[in-house]
Protein backbone atom coordinates (compact mmCIF):
# COMPACT_ATOMS: atom_id res chain seq x y z
CA MET A 1 80.57 -37.96 -66.02
CA LEU A 2 76.92 -38.32 -64.97
CA ASN A 3 75.52 -36.55 -61.91
CA SER A 4 72.17 -38.02 -60.86
CA ALA A 5 72.43 -38.63 -57.13
CA SER A 6 69.11 -39.33 -55.44
CA PRO A 7 68.29 -37.52 -52.17
CA ALA A 8 69.34 -40.60 -50.18
CA ILE A 9 72.65 -40.88 -52.03
CA GLN A 10 73.18 -37.14 -51.69
CA THR A 11 72.76 -37.56 -47.94
CA ASP A 12 75.48 -40.22 -47.96
CA ILE A 13 77.77 -37.96 -50.00
CA GLU A 14 77.25 -35.18 -47.47
CA ALA A 15 77.91 -37.60 -44.62
CA ILE A 16 81.30 -38.55 -46.11
CA GLY A 17 82.00 -34.86 -46.66
CA ASN A 18 81.30 -34.20 -42.98
CA ILE A 19 83.95 -36.69 -41.82
CA PRO A 20 86.91 -34.41 -41.01
CA ILE A 21 89.63 -37.03 -41.57
CA VAL A 22 88.59 -38.04 -45.10
CA SER A 23 90.80 -35.62 -47.02
CA LYS A 24 93.84 -36.50 -44.91
CA MET A 25 93.00 -40.19 -45.27
CA LEU A 26 92.99 -39.99 -49.07
CA ASP A 27 96.20 -37.95 -48.97
CA VAL A 28 97.93 -40.61 -46.83
CA ILE A 29 96.75 -43.35 -49.20
CA CYS A 30 98.24 -41.57 -52.20
CA ARG A 31 101.53 -40.85 -50.48
CA THR A 32 101.85 -44.36 -49.03
CA THR A 33 100.97 -46.22 -52.23
CA ASN A 34 102.48 -43.70 -54.69
CA MET A 35 99.13 -43.74 -56.48
CA ARG A 36 97.71 -40.51 -57.79
CA PHE A 37 93.96 -41.02 -57.52
CA ALA A 38 92.03 -42.17 -54.45
CA ALA A 39 88.30 -42.01 -53.73
CA ILE A 40 85.44 -43.09 -51.55
CA ALA A 41 82.55 -44.28 -53.70
CA ARG A 42 78.91 -44.94 -52.86
CA VAL A 43 77.99 -48.11 -54.70
CA THR A 44 74.46 -49.47 -55.06
CA ASP A 45 72.96 -52.08 -57.36
CA THR A 46 72.35 -49.33 -59.92
CA GLN A 47 74.94 -46.58 -59.32
CA TRP A 48 78.59 -45.77 -58.66
CA ILE A 49 78.91 -42.22 -57.31
CA THR A 50 81.92 -40.32 -55.97
CA CYS A 51 81.64 -39.17 -52.35
CA SER A 52 85.15 -37.75 -52.01
CA SER A 53 88.34 -37.91 -54.07
CA ARG A 54 92.02 -36.98 -54.27
CA ASP A 55 92.87 -36.54 -57.95
CA ASP A 56 96.43 -35.82 -59.16
CA ILE A 57 96.00 -37.37 -62.63
CA ASN A 58 92.98 -35.32 -63.77
CA PHE A 59 90.73 -38.37 -63.74
CA GLY A 60 87.90 -35.90 -63.41
CA LEU A 61 85.73 -37.20 -60.56
CA ALA A 62 84.33 -34.76 -58.01
CA PRO A 63 81.77 -35.46 -55.26
CA GLY A 64 78.46 -36.39 -56.88
CA ASP A 65 80.00 -37.46 -60.19
CA GLU A 66 78.96 -40.88 -61.44
CA LEU A 67 80.51 -43.73 -63.42
CA GLU A 68 78.44 -46.30 -65.24
CA LEU A 69 78.16 -49.10 -62.69
CA GLY A 70 78.89 -51.94 -65.10
CA THR A 71 82.22 -50.42 -66.10
CA THR A 72 83.61 -50.60 -62.54
CA ILE A 73 85.31 -53.36 -60.56
CA CYS A 74 83.52 -51.93 -57.51
CA ASP A 75 80.27 -53.44 -58.82
CA GLU A 76 81.90 -56.87 -58.57
CA ILE A 77 83.12 -56.06 -55.03
CA ARG A 78 79.54 -55.09 -54.12
CA GLN A 79 78.47 -58.59 -55.13
CA HIS A 80 81.24 -60.74 -53.61
CA HIS A 81 82.25 -58.39 -50.71
CA THR A 82 85.97 -59.10 -51.22
CA ALA A 83 88.78 -56.58 -51.67
CA VAL A 84 90.55 -56.43 -55.03
CA VAL A 85 94.27 -55.59 -55.18
CA ILE A 86 96.17 -55.36 -58.50
CA ASP A 87 99.86 -54.40 -58.58
CA HIS A 88 100.22 -54.55 -62.35
CA VAL A 89 97.20 -55.11 -64.57
CA THR A 90 99.20 -56.33 -67.57
CA GLU A 91 100.83 -59.08 -65.50
CA ASP A 92 97.72 -60.06 -63.53
CA PRO A 93 96.09 -63.21 -64.99
CA ASN A 94 92.66 -62.31 -63.58
CA TYR A 95 92.51 -58.71 -64.79
CA CYS A 96 94.87 -58.38 -67.76
CA ASN A 97 91.93 -58.76 -70.12
CA HIS A 98 89.35 -57.07 -67.88
CA HIS A 99 87.37 -54.29 -69.55
CA THR A 100 87.66 -51.81 -66.66
CA PRO A 101 91.47 -51.21 -66.69
CA SER A 102 91.35 -50.98 -70.48
CA GLN A 103 88.52 -48.44 -70.41
CA TYR A 104 89.97 -46.20 -67.71
CA GLY A 105 93.66 -46.67 -68.47
CA PHE A 106 95.08 -47.77 -65.12
CA GLN A 107 97.75 -50.38 -64.31
CA SER A 108 97.53 -50.45 -60.51
CA TYR A 109 94.27 -50.75 -58.57
CA ILE A 110 93.11 -51.35 -55.00
CA SER A 111 89.59 -51.29 -53.64
CA PHE A 112 88.23 -52.40 -50.26
CA PRO A 113 84.54 -52.69 -49.40
CA ILE A 114 83.00 -50.34 -46.83
CA PHE A 115 80.21 -51.74 -44.68
CA ARG A 116 77.93 -49.86 -42.36
CA LYS A 117 77.95 -51.11 -38.75
CA THR A 118 74.60 -52.78 -39.53
CA GLY A 119 76.40 -54.99 -42.07
CA GLU A 120 74.89 -53.20 -45.07
CA PHE A 121 77.25 -52.61 -47.99
CA PHE A 122 77.97 -48.89 -48.42
CA GLY A 123 80.61 -48.63 -51.12
CA THR A 124 84.36 -48.77 -51.60
CA LEU A 125 87.61 -47.10 -50.69
CA CYS A 126 89.69 -47.31 -53.84
CA ALA A 127 92.78 -46.00 -55.60
CA ILE A 128 94.13 -46.20 -59.17
CA ASP A 129 97.18 -45.11 -61.13
CA PRO A 130 98.35 -45.42 -64.76
CA GLU A 131 101.61 -46.87 -63.48
CA PRO A 132 102.15 -50.19 -61.63
CA ALA A 133 102.48 -50.07 -57.80
CA LYS A 134 103.39 -52.47 -55.03
CA LEU A 135 100.08 -52.86 -53.21
CA ASP A 136 99.51 -56.52 -52.35
CA ASN A 137 101.24 -56.61 -48.98
CA PRO A 138 100.13 -56.63 -45.31
CA LYS A 139 101.07 -52.98 -44.75
CA ILE A 140 98.82 -51.62 -47.52
CA ARG A 141 96.01 -54.07 -46.87
CA GLY A 142 96.09 -53.26 -43.16
CA MET A 143 95.91 -49.54 -43.89
CA PHE A 144 92.85 -49.98 -46.11
CA GLU A 145 91.14 -52.23 -43.55
CA LEU A 146 91.75 -49.63 -40.85
CA TYR A 147 90.45 -46.77 -42.97
CA THR A 148 87.30 -48.60 -44.08
CA ASP A 149 86.56 -49.36 -40.40
CA LEU A 150 87.07 -45.69 -39.54
CA ILE A 151 84.73 -44.61 -42.31
CA ALA A 152 82.09 -47.07 -41.10
CA PHE A 153 82.46 -45.80 -37.53
CA HIS A 154 82.04 -42.18 -38.59
CA LEU A 155 79.03 -43.01 -40.77
CA GLN A 156 77.40 -44.70 -37.79
CA THR A 157 78.17 -41.73 -35.53
CA ILE A 158 76.73 -39.27 -38.05
CA GLU A 159 73.58 -41.39 -38.43
CA GLN A 160 73.15 -41.68 -34.66
CA LEU A 161 73.64 -37.94 -34.25
CA LYS A 162 71.08 -37.27 -36.97
CA THR A 163 68.58 -39.62 -35.37
CA THR A 164 69.17 -38.13 -31.93
CA THR A 165 68.77 -34.61 -33.28
CA GLN A 166 65.50 -35.55 -34.97
CA LEU A 167 64.19 -37.16 -31.78
CA LEU A 168 65.18 -34.12 -29.73
CA GLU A 169 63.45 -31.83 -32.19
CA GLU A 170 60.31 -33.97 -32.08
CA GLU A 171 60.41 -34.00 -28.28
CA ARG A 172 60.87 -30.23 -28.24
CA LYS A 173 57.81 -29.73 -30.46
CA ILE A 174 55.76 -32.16 -28.36
CA ALA A 175 56.88 -30.41 -25.18
CA GLU A 176 55.89 -27.02 -26.59
CA LEU A 177 52.46 -28.34 -27.59
CA ARG A 178 52.02 -29.99 -24.20
CA GLU A 179 52.98 -26.84 -22.32
CA THR A 180 50.75 -24.69 -24.53
CA PHE A 181 47.84 -27.07 -23.98
CA ILE A 182 48.36 -27.12 -20.21
CA ALA A 183 48.67 -23.34 -20.07
CA ILE A 184 45.47 -22.83 -22.08
CA LEU A 185 43.64 -25.46 -20.06
CA GLY A 186 44.75 -23.94 -16.77
CA HIS A 187 43.83 -20.44 -17.88
CA ASP A 188 40.40 -21.45 -19.17
CA LEU A 189 39.61 -23.39 -16.00
CA ARG A 190 40.15 -20.39 -13.72
CA ASN A 191 36.86 -18.70 -14.59
CA PRO A 192 34.52 -21.70 -14.07
CA VAL A 193 36.30 -22.59 -10.84
CA GLY A 194 35.97 -19.01 -9.61
CA THR A 195 32.29 -18.97 -10.58
CA THR A 196 31.71 -22.23 -8.70
CA ARG A 197 33.28 -20.81 -5.54
CA MET A 198 31.28 -17.58 -5.86
CA CYS A 199 28.02 -19.53 -6.17
CA ALA A 200 28.92 -21.56 -3.09
CA ASP A 201 29.57 -18.32 -1.16
CA MET A 202 26.18 -16.92 -2.26
CA ILE A 203 24.42 -20.06 -1.04
CA LEU A 204 26.18 -19.82 2.31
CA LEU A 205 25.21 -16.14 2.73
CA ASN A 206 21.48 -16.92 2.50
CA PRO A 207 19.27 -18.88 4.93
CA THR A 208 19.82 -22.43 3.78
CA PRO A 209 18.95 -25.91 5.10
CA LYS A 210 21.81 -27.69 6.86
CA ALA A 211 22.13 -30.28 4.10
CA SER A 212 22.56 -27.55 1.49
CA ILE A 213 25.10 -25.76 3.68
CA LYS A 214 27.10 -28.97 3.89
CA ASN A 215 27.02 -29.42 0.13
CA ALA A 216 27.94 -25.78 -0.44
CA ASN A 217 30.95 -26.16 1.84
CA ILE A 218 32.00 -29.26 -0.10
CA ILE A 219 31.68 -27.35 -3.38
CA LYS A 220 33.71 -24.46 -1.99
CA ALA A 221 36.42 -26.75 -0.62
CA THR A 222 36.60 -28.62 -3.91
CA SER A 223 37.02 -25.34 -5.78
CA TYR A 224 40.00 -24.49 -3.59
CA ARG A 225 41.50 -27.86 -4.39
CA MET A 226 40.89 -27.33 -8.12
CA GLN A 227 42.46 -23.88 -7.91
CA GLY A 228 45.57 -25.38 -6.32
CA LEU A 229 45.86 -27.93 -9.12
CA ILE A 230 45.47 -25.20 -11.73
CA ASP A 231 48.16 -23.07 -10.10
CA ASN A 232 50.54 -26.03 -10.10
CA LEU A 233 49.78 -26.79 -13.74
CA LEU A 234 50.39 -23.22 -14.81
CA ASP A 235 53.65 -23.01 -12.90
CA PHE A 236 54.87 -26.19 -14.52
CA ALA A 237 53.72 -25.17 -18.01
CA LYS A 238 55.38 -21.76 -17.81
CA GLY A 239 58.64 -23.34 -16.80
CA HIS A 240 59.03 -20.86 -13.91
CA LEU A 241 60.66 -23.42 -11.67
CA GLY A 242 63.84 -23.72 -9.66
CA ASP A 243 65.92 -20.55 -9.65
CA GLY A 244 63.68 -19.30 -12.47
CA ILE A 245 60.70 -18.65 -10.20
CA LYS A 246 60.11 -14.93 -9.98
CA LEU A 247 59.63 -13.75 -6.41
CA ASN A 248 57.75 -10.69 -5.19
CA LEU A 249 59.55 -10.24 -1.89
CA THR A 250 58.07 -8.60 1.18
CA THR A 251 59.50 -7.96 4.64
CA ASP A 252 56.16 -7.29 6.32
CA PRO A 253 55.49 -10.21 8.73
CA LYS A 254 51.76 -9.38 8.75
CA VAL A 255 51.49 -10.17 5.04
CA LEU A 256 53.04 -13.61 5.52
CA HIS A 257 50.96 -14.25 8.66
CA ASN A 258 47.73 -13.38 6.83
CA SER A 259 48.69 -15.63 3.89
CA ILE A 260 49.36 -18.57 6.20
CA GLU A 261 46.12 -17.98 8.11
CA GLN A 262 44.20 -17.88 4.82
CA VAL A 263 45.67 -21.20 3.70
CA ILE A 264 44.76 -22.80 7.02
CA ALA A 265 41.20 -21.49 6.69
CA GLU A 266 40.91 -22.91 3.17
CA ILE A 267 42.24 -26.30 4.26
CA LYS A 268 39.84 -26.40 7.20
CA ALA A 269 37.00 -25.71 4.76
CA MET A 270 38.21 -28.54 2.57
CA ALA A 271 38.46 -31.01 5.46
CA PRO A 272 36.14 -29.89 8.26
CA GLU A 273 36.32 -33.34 9.85
CA ARG A 274 40.07 -33.09 10.46
CA SER A 275 41.64 -31.67 13.61
CA PHE A 276 44.66 -29.36 13.72
CA ASP A 277 47.36 -28.49 16.22
CA ILE A 278 48.58 -25.01 15.26
CA LYS A 279 51.46 -22.92 16.61
CA LEU A 280 52.34 -19.79 14.63
CA GLN A 281 55.31 -17.50 15.17
CA ILE A 282 56.34 -15.09 12.39
CA PRO A 283 59.67 -13.25 12.85
CA GLU A 284 60.12 -9.59 11.94
CA ASN A 285 63.25 -9.93 9.83
CA ILE A 286 62.04 -12.33 7.14
CA SER A 287 62.12 -11.56 3.43
CA CYS A 288 59.98 -13.81 1.24
CA ASP A 289 57.28 -13.98 -1.40
CA ALA A 290 54.21 -14.44 0.81
CA ASP A 291 52.04 -15.77 -2.05
CA ARG A 292 54.66 -18.36 -3.07
CA VAL A 293 55.22 -19.44 0.53
CA ALA A 294 51.44 -19.78 0.87
CA GLN A 295 51.42 -21.94 -2.27
CA LEU A 296 54.17 -24.13 -0.80
CA PHE A 297 52.33 -24.31 2.55
CA SER A 298 49.06 -25.18 0.81
CA ASN A 299 50.73 -28.05 -1.04
CA LEU A 300 52.17 -29.41 2.20
CA LEU A 301 48.82 -29.20 3.97
CA GLY A 302 47.00 -30.75 1.02
CA ASN A 303 49.49 -33.60 1.08
CA ALA A 304 48.92 -34.09 4.82
CA ILE A 305 45.16 -34.19 4.30
CA ALA A 306 45.47 -36.68 1.44
CA HIS A 307 47.96 -39.08 3.02
CA GLY A 308 47.73 -38.49 6.77
CA SER A 309 45.73 -40.58 9.19
CA ALA A 310 42.34 -39.07 10.09
CA ASP A 311 42.85 -40.32 13.67
CA HIS A 312 45.72 -37.92 14.29
CA PRO A 313 45.67 -34.11 14.22
CA ILE A 314 47.70 -32.34 11.59
CA LYS A 315 50.47 -30.38 13.30
CA ILE A 316 51.33 -26.96 11.93
CA GLU A 317 54.18 -24.95 13.39
CA THR A 318 56.07 -21.88 12.23
CA LYS A 319 59.06 -20.77 14.29
CA LEU A 320 62.43 -19.06 14.37
CA GLU A 321 65.40 -21.35 14.99
CA ASN A 322 69.13 -21.20 14.17
CA LYS A 323 68.76 -17.93 12.24
CA SER A 324 66.20 -19.50 9.94
CA PHE A 325 62.45 -19.41 9.64
CA HIS A 326 60.78 -22.82 9.58
CA ILE A 327 57.33 -24.00 8.51
CA MET A 328 56.57 -27.54 9.62
CA VAL A 329 53.60 -29.70 8.66
CA ALA A 330 53.32 -33.13 10.28
CA ASN A 331 50.74 -35.87 10.12
CA GLY A 332 50.26 -39.36 11.48
CA GLY A 333 49.90 -42.38 9.23
CA LYS A 334 51.99 -44.96 7.44
CA LYS A 335 55.71 -44.41 7.09
CA ILE A 336 56.85 -43.32 3.64
CA SER A 337 59.04 -46.06 2.18
CA ASP A 338 62.74 -45.41 1.66
CA SER A 339 62.37 -45.81 -2.12
CA ALA A 340 59.49 -43.32 -2.20
CA MET A 341 61.49 -40.82 -0.16
CA GLN A 342 64.03 -40.70 -3.00
CA SER A 343 61.38 -39.52 -5.46
CA LEU A 344 59.06 -37.32 -3.36
CA PHE A 345 60.20 -34.06 -4.92
CA LYS A 346 60.32 -35.27 -8.51
CA PRO A 347 57.65 -34.04 -10.97
CA PHE A 348 54.66 -36.27 -11.69
CA TYR A 349 55.59 -38.61 -8.86
CA SER A 350 52.69 -40.06 -6.90
CA GLU A 351 53.08 -42.83 -4.36
CA ASN A 352 50.74 -45.78 -4.86
CA THR A 353 48.09 -45.23 -2.21
CA ASP A 354 44.36 -45.70 -1.95
CA VAL A 355 43.86 -41.96 -1.58
CA ASN A 356 44.56 -39.06 -3.88
CA LYS A 357 44.96 -41.29 -6.93
CA SER A 358 43.87 -38.36 -9.09
CA GLY A 359 46.76 -36.17 -7.93
CA LEU A 360 49.12 -34.78 -10.56
CA GLY A 361 52.28 -35.43 -8.59
CA LEU A 362 53.35 -31.79 -8.98
CA GLY A 363 52.59 -30.38 -5.54
CA LEU A 364 55.72 -31.41 -3.66
CA TYR A 365 57.90 -30.81 -6.68
CA ILE A 366 56.74 -27.22 -7.06
CA ALA A 367 56.96 -26.73 -3.29
CA SER A 368 60.61 -27.78 -3.41
CA GLU A 369 61.25 -25.40 -6.33
CA ILE A 370 59.71 -22.52 -4.40
CA ALA A 371 62.03 -23.38 -1.51
CA LYS A 372 65.04 -23.30 -3.86
CA ALA A 373 63.99 -19.93 -5.24
CA HIS A 374 64.11 -18.56 -1.66
CA ASN A 375 67.59 -20.07 -1.15
CA GLY A 376 65.87 -22.33 1.32
CA LYS A 377 65.30 -26.05 1.73
CA LEU A 378 62.36 -28.42 1.89
CA LYS A 379 63.02 -31.65 3.74
CA ALA A 380 60.90 -34.66 4.65
CA THR A 381 61.25 -37.17 7.45
CA SER A 382 59.01 -40.16 8.04
CA SER A 383 58.64 -42.74 10.78
CA ASN A 384 55.96 -45.10 12.02
CA GLU A 385 54.70 -42.28 14.25
CA GLN A 386 54.55 -39.34 11.86
CA THR A 387 55.64 -37.80 8.59
CA CYS A 388 56.97 -34.25 8.72
CA PHE A 389 57.79 -31.74 5.99
CA THR A 390 59.91 -28.75 6.96
CA PHE A 391 60.48 -25.64 4.87
CA SER A 392 63.46 -23.59 6.05
CA ILE A 393 64.50 -20.18 4.81
CA PRO A 394 67.41 -18.10 6.14
CA LEU A 395 66.45 -14.83 7.80
CA LYS A 396 67.43 -11.51 6.31
CA LYS A 397 70.72 -10.25 7.79
């Protein structure tokens, strides 16, 4: 027997071998028909190759073994796509003088075509025996039809699984490259942004014309905005989100108060034309990561600056209520649509507005993940009067 399976055919042989019911299927065929050889063959326009077999007559075909295509009836089935059933070769007018039974020494034969779900011809499910058998009846035909359908179904499932696995692997590699790129970009941007802010500070420390002072303040405010974007990018690239965010907890209320005050000062530098209504109350018994809370707070304030109406002050309030610490940021402006409210905290979401079109859509998402890491919540409400974001964290018992 020849053995010259191409890589594509070898893949098909392995696919049949990976179908768990094949061996039992061939066993049932032999027991039901009283035939002693059954096989699944991959048949092309040039080859007949065994994929799997049950051999009790020492016919000698194992997976990968090949018969000369022209010597098989399966080649004819490949061409006319019709099953062939022979109870007794000697008494069959169509096959009594056929070269295949004479060459391989069988008297009973049955072979049904197997088609992929795409309609492409795959091969045959066949059985032979040196002795006659009663095969041409609805019971046997029905069994072969059922089994060829099952084989086709499993082949399709294996192909779909293979395709899905390949796509997932490609997506994983792309995701790794994307995250690596973002991480490198964010890291490399830190130094020039820091240098820009330092230069702005140096300009502001020296006697400078008012116009230059204004431009220096703009540069400094922009650098804070850039730093916020970089921090968000790095957090997203590292994958330190949700419960995976590492917290450096502190119970010192002064640390949290100073962090909040610093964020407010930075935001005021970014938007000196905006007015603020601020009420701060920091409880003693709070445990949190002050830097992460400041990052969350900065994202909320940046969002209020970007989307809030300039005609209304931005309201900032921190307070103790119902055994929880709350940070609230509210702004006037258009009501957030109901559909947009459903996606506010999703990554890369940015509502279609005339402002902040260059935003990454990560700020609110990362803010919500920081809230989750603190076992807290971040909620949003919006009306025609104002939009309010509230971060709530339970106090330490």
